[in-house]
Amino acid sequence: MSRRGAVLAPLAAASLWGGMYVVSKWGFASIPPATLAFLRVALGAATLVLVVRLQGQSRTFSFAEHRRFALLGIWVAITLLTQFVGTDLTNASQGSLLTVLTPVFTLLLGILVLEEGVTVRKVGGMAIATVGTVVVLAGQYDLTRLGEGSAIGISALLLASFGWAAYTVWGTPLVRRYSALETATYSTVWAVPLLFVVAVAELWTLGRSPLTLPTTAPVLAAVFYLGVLSTAAAWYLWYRGVESLEAGVVAVFFFAQPVVGVLLGTVILEESLGPTFIAGGLVMAVGIYVVSTAGRAT
């Protein structure tokens, strides 16, 4: 894969995730968090399996390989559950800022697990991108409200940030042995039964029947966005970057997620952009460029 392709793939994934906070927060008014997470991953898994079948890819995996895909599936389930629960219990400023920790966790795990090298360029670029993203968010959200909200929600978002970093790092060897498509597909498939059990327990606790879940056009559109775009397409694109670049390098593109979210808020919700958005966005772009040029595409 060319360097340009290796860079554009995770950037596209982060862009698709940009609207996820707004869509999922809105979706919780109709569908409980764990149930929405299950619908998202089930639709995403079905989409990925269909693509694999259409491409005629059929491979037999050993028990050890299935166990590694299952481990990724566990991280998927943990990430989605904690992400949706945390989003439901926190405000926008908390959710956006805590997301910034994912690249940091990925960089650290890449060093510890994959023995990726530590360079001044990589660490410095990551720091620059962090500063730029915080400046962007400070201009859009009231950061004085960071202390508000649920401690459980904040803890859940922290775990979600670590969970996606773990999914990225422990998935790297499988991505490079097989492919981004196969790894994204089979790890997502393993997450389906795990989230199904939690969703059933959630609906039972709430005294709700699956038959009572709304099926209006806006709700179906939200589930489609979360399942097909922000799961099937985005996870595949994210792993496409991992095929060629170090996990710690790919992680820096995660900073684009909250920035795209702010842009979508401006377009969809008619929110205004302050001067700090442009300044912070430029600083973030510099940080992404510095890190993305630190790793070689293969």
Protein backbone atom coordinates (compact mmCIF):
# COMPACT_ATOMS: atom_id res chain seq x y z
CA MET A 1 0.00 0.00 0.00
CA SER A 2 1.28 3.47 -0.83
CA ARG A 3 2.01 6.01 1.87
CA ARG A 4 -0.88 8.16 0.70
CA GLY A 5 -3.29 5.22 0.97
CA ALA A 6 -1.93 4.23 4.37
CA VAL A 7 -2.51 7.77 5.62
CA LEU A 8 -5.90 8.42 4.02
CA ALA A 9 -7.49 5.16 5.25
CA PRO A 10 -7.33 5.85 9.04
CA LEU A 11 -8.04 9.54 8.40
CA ALA A 12 -11.24 8.53 6.61
CA ALA A 13 -12.12 6.21 9.50
CA ALA A 14 -11.69 8.98 12.07
CA SER A 15 -13.83 11.26 9.90
CA LEU A 16 -16.63 8.67 9.83
CA TRP A 17 -16.44 8.50 13.63
CA GLY A 18 -16.75 12.28 13.84
CA GLY A 19 -20.53 12.26 13.89
CA MET A 20 -20.83 9.20 16.08
CA TYR A 21 -21.15 11.13 19.38
CA VAL A 22 -24.08 13.22 18.12
CA VAL A 23 -25.84 10.26 16.44
CA SER A 24 -25.44 7.88 19.38
CA LYS A 25 -26.43 10.51 21.94
CA TRP A 26 -29.58 11.19 19.93
CA GLY A 27 -30.23 7.47 19.45
CA PHE A 28 -30.26 6.79 23.20
CA ALA A 29 -33.59 8.64 23.40
CA SER A 30 -35.14 5.74 21.47
CA ILE A 31 -32.86 2.73 22.08
CA PRO A 32 -30.97 1.87 25.33
CA PRO A 33 -27.14 2.06 25.08
CA ALA A 34 -26.25 -1.66 25.21
CA THR A 35 -29.03 -2.54 22.79
CA LEU A 36 -27.90 0.16 20.38
CA ALA A 37 -24.34 -1.15 20.67
CA PHE A 38 -25.56 -4.66 19.78
CA LEU A 39 -27.55 -3.42 16.77
CA ARG A 40 -24.52 -1.47 15.62
CA VAL A 41 -22.07 -4.37 15.80
CA ALA A 42 -24.57 -6.91 14.42
CA LEU A 43 -25.22 -4.77 11.34
CA GLY A 44 -21.51 -4.04 11.01
CA ALA A 45 -20.61 -7.74 11.23
CA ALA A 46 -23.27 -8.69 8.66
CA THR A 47 -21.96 -6.05 6.27
CA LEU A 48 -18.34 -7.20 6.63
CA VAL A 49 -19.22 -10.88 6.22
CA LEU A 50 -21.15 -10.04 3.05
CA VAL A 51 -18.14 -8.20 1.62
CA VAL A 52 -15.84 -11.12 2.47
CA ARG A 53 -18.19 -13.58 0.76
CA LEU A 54 -18.59 -11.37 -2.32
CA GLN A 55 -14.82 -11.22 -2.63
CA GLY A 56 -14.67 -15.01 -2.49
CA GLN A 57 -12.36 -15.05 0.53
CA SER A 58 -12.64 -18.33 2.43
CA ARG A 59 -10.04 -19.38 4.94
CA THR A 60 -9.88 -22.01 7.67
CA PHE A 61 -8.43 -20.83 10.96
CA SER A 62 -6.89 -22.87 13.73
CA PHE A 63 -8.19 -22.89 17.29
CA ALA A 64 -5.36 -20.56 18.34
CA GLU A 65 -6.25 -18.10 15.59
CA HIS A 66 -9.94 -18.15 16.50
CA ARG A 67 -8.90 -17.45 20.09
CA ARG A 68 -7.00 -14.35 18.95
CA PHE A 69 -10.00 -13.13 16.95
CA ALA A 70 -12.17 -13.80 20.00
CA LEU A 71 -9.86 -11.67 22.14
CA LEU A 72 -10.31 -8.81 19.70
CA GLY A 73 -14.05 -9.42 19.84
CA ILE A 74 -13.95 -9.03 23.62
CA TRP A 75 -12.15 -5.71 23.23
CA VAL A 76 -14.77 -4.65 20.67
CA ALA A 77 -17.59 -5.48 23.10
CA ILE A 78 -15.88 -3.69 25.99
CA THR A 79 -15.17 -0.63 23.86
CA LEU A 80 -18.68 -0.27 22.46
CA LEU A 81 -20.44 -0.87 25.77
CA THR A 82 -18.30 1.56 27.74
CA GLN A 83 -18.34 4.08 24.90
CA PHE A 84 -22.13 4.14 24.64
CA VAL A 85 -22.74 4.02 28.39
CA GLY A 86 -20.15 6.75 28.92
CA THR A 87 -21.65 8.90 26.16
CA ASP A 88 -25.09 8.54 27.71
CA LEU A 89 -23.84 9.66 31.14
CA THR A 90 -21.48 12.52 30.19
CA ASN A 91 -21.61 15.85 28.42
CA ALA A 92 -20.07 16.71 25.06
CA SER A 93 -16.93 18.34 26.45
CA GLN A 94 -16.11 15.31 28.60
CA GLY A 95 -16.75 12.87 25.78
CA SER A 96 -14.62 14.79 23.29
CA LEU A 97 -11.65 15.36 25.56
CA LEU A 98 -11.54 11.81 26.89
CA THR A 99 -11.46 10.58 23.29
CA VAL A 100 -8.10 12.33 22.92
CA LEU A 101 -6.60 9.72 25.27
CA THR A 102 -7.02 6.90 22.71
CA PRO A 103 -3.94 7.87 20.64
CA VAL A 104 -1.89 8.19 23.82
CA PHE A 105 -2.93 4.72 25.02
CA THR A 106 -2.22 3.30 21.55
CA LEU A 107 1.25 4.83 21.44
CA LEU A 108 2.09 3.40 24.87
CA LEU A 109 0.70 -0.08 24.08
CA GLY A 110 2.52 -0.07 20.74
CA ILE A 111 5.75 0.45 22.61
CA LEU A 112 5.04 -2.15 25.31
CA VAL A 113 3.33 -4.87 23.25
CA LEU A 114 4.67 -4.45 19.71
CA GLU A 115 8.04 -3.01 20.74
CA GLU A 116 7.58 -0.09 18.40
CA GLY A 117 10.31 2.50 18.58
CA VAL A 118 10.03 5.76 20.48
CA THR A 119 11.23 8.81 18.57
CA VAL A 120 11.25 12.50 19.33
CA ARG A 121 9.28 13.06 16.12
CA LYS A 122 6.54 10.64 17.11
CA VAL A 123 6.15 11.83 20.71
CA GLY A 124 6.51 15.48 19.77
CA GLY A 125 3.95 15.23 16.97
CA MET A 126 1.52 13.45 19.27
CA ALA A 127 1.91 16.24 21.85
CA ILE A 128 1.36 18.92 19.21
CA ALA A 129 -1.76 17.19 17.90
CA THR A 130 -3.10 16.86 21.47
CA VAL A 131 -2.64 20.57 22.12
CA GLY A 132 -4.32 21.49 18.84
CA THR A 133 -7.31 19.26 19.52
CA VAL A 134 -7.76 20.63 23.04
CA VAL A 135 -7.68 24.19 21.63
CA VAL A 136 -10.38 23.27 19.11
CA LEU A 137 -12.59 21.73 21.80
CA ALA A 138 -12.01 24.59 24.23
CA GLY A 139 -13.43 26.95 21.63
CA GLN A 140 -16.59 24.89 21.19
CA TYR A 141 -17.38 23.53 24.64
CA ASP A 142 -17.47 24.85 28.16
CA LEU A 143 -14.52 23.04 29.68
CA THR A 144 -15.43 24.36 33.13
CA ARG A 145 -18.10 21.62 33.10
CA LEU A 146 -15.50 18.85 33.00
CA GLY A 147 -16.03 18.19 36.70
CA GLU A 148 -19.77 17.70 36.23
CA GLY A 149 -21.56 14.53 35.23
CA SER A 150 -21.29 10.94 36.30
CA ALA A 151 -18.06 9.47 37.59
CA ILE A 152 -19.24 6.15 36.15
CA GLY A 153 -19.67 7.78 32.75
CA ILE A 154 -16.20 9.30 32.82
CA SER A 155 -14.68 5.99 33.93
CA ALA A 156 -16.54 4.20 31.14
CA LEU A 157 -15.14 6.59 28.51
CA LEU A 158 -11.63 6.12 29.88
CA LEU A 159 -12.03 2.35 29.54
CA ALA A 160 -13.44 2.81 26.03
CA SER A 161 -10.37 4.83 25.05
CA PHE A 162 -8.07 2.10 26.34
CA GLY A 163 -10.22 -0.61 24.76
CA TRP A 164 -9.90 0.82 21.26
CA ALA A 165 -6.15 1.20 21.74
CA ALA A 166 -5.99 -2.47 22.75
CA TYR A 167 -8.08 -3.47 19.71
CA THR A 168 -5.67 -1.56 17.48
CA VAL A 169 -2.47 -2.94 18.97
CA TRP A 170 -3.44 -6.60 19.52
CA GLY A 171 -5.07 -6.67 16.11
CA THR A 172 -1.91 -5.50 14.35
CA PRO A 173 -0.23 -8.95 14.03
CA LEU A 174 -3.43 -10.48 12.63
CA VAL A 175 -3.92 -7.62 10.18
CA ARG A 176 -0.42 -8.11 8.81
CA ARG A 177 -0.72 -11.89 8.69
CA TYR A 178 -4.10 -11.98 6.97
CA SER A 179 -5.73 -8.68 5.96
CA ALA A 180 -7.53 -5.66 7.35
CA LEU A 181 -10.84 -6.93 5.98
CA GLU A 182 -10.59 -10.42 7.48
CA THR A 183 -9.39 -9.18 10.87
CA ALA A 184 -12.10 -6.52 11.10
CA THR A 185 -14.72 -9.05 10.00
CA TYR A 186 -13.99 -11.97 12.31
CA SER A 187 -13.26 -9.84 15.36
CA THR A 188 -16.60 -8.07 14.86
CA VAL A 189 -18.41 -11.39 14.41
CA TRP A 190 -17.04 -12.62 17.75
CA ALA A 191 -18.39 -9.49 19.47
CA VAL A 192 -21.99 -10.10 18.33
CA PRO A 193 -22.97 -12.87 20.82
CA LEU A 194 -21.26 -11.04 23.68
CA LEU A 195 -23.23 -7.86 23.06
CA PHE A 196 -26.42 -9.84 22.42
CA VAL A 197 -26.33 -11.25 25.96
CA VAL A 198 -25.81 -7.79 27.45
CA ALA A 199 -28.57 -6.28 25.28
CA VAL A 200 -31.05 -8.96 26.35
CA ALA A 201 -30.17 -8.36 30.00
CA GLU A 202 -30.57 -4.61 29.54
CA LEU A 203 -34.01 -4.88 27.92
CA TRP A 204 -35.13 -7.38 30.59
CA THR A 205 -33.97 -5.03 33.36
CA LEU A 206 -35.79 -2.12 31.77
CA GLY A 207 -38.92 -4.20 31.23
CA ARG A 208 -38.85 -3.57 27.48
CA SER A 209 -39.50 -5.93 24.60
CA PRO A 210 -37.44 -5.87 21.40
CA LEU A 211 -40.76 -5.55 19.57
CA THR A 212 -41.31 -2.15 21.17
CA LEU A 213 -38.10 -0.65 19.79
CA PRO A 214 -38.92 2.17 17.34
CA THR A 215 -38.48 1.58 13.62
CA THR A 216 -39.00 5.10 12.33
CA ALA A 217 -36.91 6.34 9.41
CA PRO A 218 -34.63 8.57 11.57
CA VAL A 219 -33.92 5.71 14.02
CA LEU A 220 -33.18 3.27 11.20
CA ALA A 221 -30.92 5.86 9.56
CA ALA A 222 -29.02 6.29 12.84
CA VAL A 223 -28.54 2.53 13.22
CA PHE A 224 -27.41 2.31 9.58
CA TYR A 225 -24.85 5.08 10.12
CA LEU A 226 -23.51 3.45 13.27
CA GLY A 227 -23.45 -0.09 11.87
CA VAL A 228 -22.43 0.26 8.23
CA LEU A 229 -20.41 3.47 8.19
CA SER A 230 -18.89 3.95 11.64
CA THR A 231 -18.38 0.21 12.22
CA ALA A 232 -17.98 -1.87 9.03
CA ALA A 233 -16.40 0.80 6.84
CA ALA A 234 -14.48 2.68 9.54
CA TRP A 235 -13.00 -0.40 11.27
CA TYR A 236 -11.83 -1.78 7.96
CA LEU A 237 -10.25 1.56 7.00
CA TRP A 238 -8.58 1.85 10.40
CA TYR A 239 -6.98 -1.56 10.05
CA ARG A 240 -5.93 -0.72 6.48
CA GLY A 241 -3.68 1.91 8.00
CA VAL A 242 -2.32 -0.64 10.49
CA GLU A 243 -1.38 -2.93 7.59
CA SER A 244 1.38 -0.53 6.57
CA LEU A 245 2.08 1.85 9.44
CA GLU A 246 3.01 1.42 13.10
CA ALA A 247 0.03 1.37 15.47
CA GLY A 248 1.43 4.43 17.26
CA VAL A 249 1.55 6.31 13.96
CA VAL A 250 -1.98 5.33 12.91
CA ALA A 251 -3.26 6.43 16.33
CA VAL A 252 -2.55 10.10 15.66
CA PHE A 253 -5.35 10.22 13.09
CA PHE A 254 -7.81 9.65 15.93
CA PHE A 255 -7.38 13.33 16.76
CA ALA A 256 -9.40 14.16 13.64
CA GLN A 257 -12.52 12.57 15.14
CA PRO A 258 -13.59 15.34 17.54
CA VAL A 259 -12.62 18.00 15.02
CA VAL A 260 -14.89 16.45 12.37
CA GLY A 261 -17.57 16.21 15.05
CA VAL A 262 -17.34 19.96 15.62
CA LEU A 263 -17.61 20.60 11.86
CA LEU A 264 -20.68 18.38 11.61
CA GLY A 265 -22.22 20.22 14.55
CA THR A 266 -21.73 23.43 12.62
CA VAL A 267 -23.36 22.05 9.47
CA ILE A 268 -26.18 20.02 11.04
CA LEU A 269 -26.89 21.89 14.26
CA GLU A 270 -25.92 25.33 12.91
CA GLU A 271 -23.38 25.88 15.67
CA SER A 272 -20.86 28.67 15.20
CA LEU A 273 -17.10 28.20 14.80
CA GLY A 274 -14.81 30.39 16.87
CA PRO A 275 -11.35 31.60 15.83
CA THR A 276 -9.80 28.96 18.06
CA PHE A 277 -11.15 26.25 15.75
CA ILE A 278 -8.97 27.34 12.86
CA ALA A 279 -5.93 27.91 15.07
CA GLY A 280 -6.33 24.61 16.92
CA GLY A 281 -7.11 22.75 13.71
CA LEU A 282 -3.91 23.99 12.10
CA VAL A 283 -1.84 22.97 15.13
CA MET A 284 -3.49 19.55 15.16
CA ALA A 285 -2.78 19.12 11.43
CA VAL A 286 0.89 19.91 12.02
CA GLY A 287 1.05 17.27 14.75
CA ILE A 288 -0.63 14.67 12.52
CA TYR A 289 1.78 15.45 9.69
CA VAL A 290 4.80 15.14 11.97
CA VAL A 291 3.73 11.73 13.29
CA SER A 292 2.42 10.35 9.98
CA THR A 293 5.74 11.00 8.29
CA ALA A 294 7.62 9.22 11.06
CA GLY A 295 6.58 5.72 10.00
CA ARG A 296 7.23 4.06 6.67
CA ALA A 297 4.46 2.58 4.60
CA THR A 298 5.19 -0.82 3.13
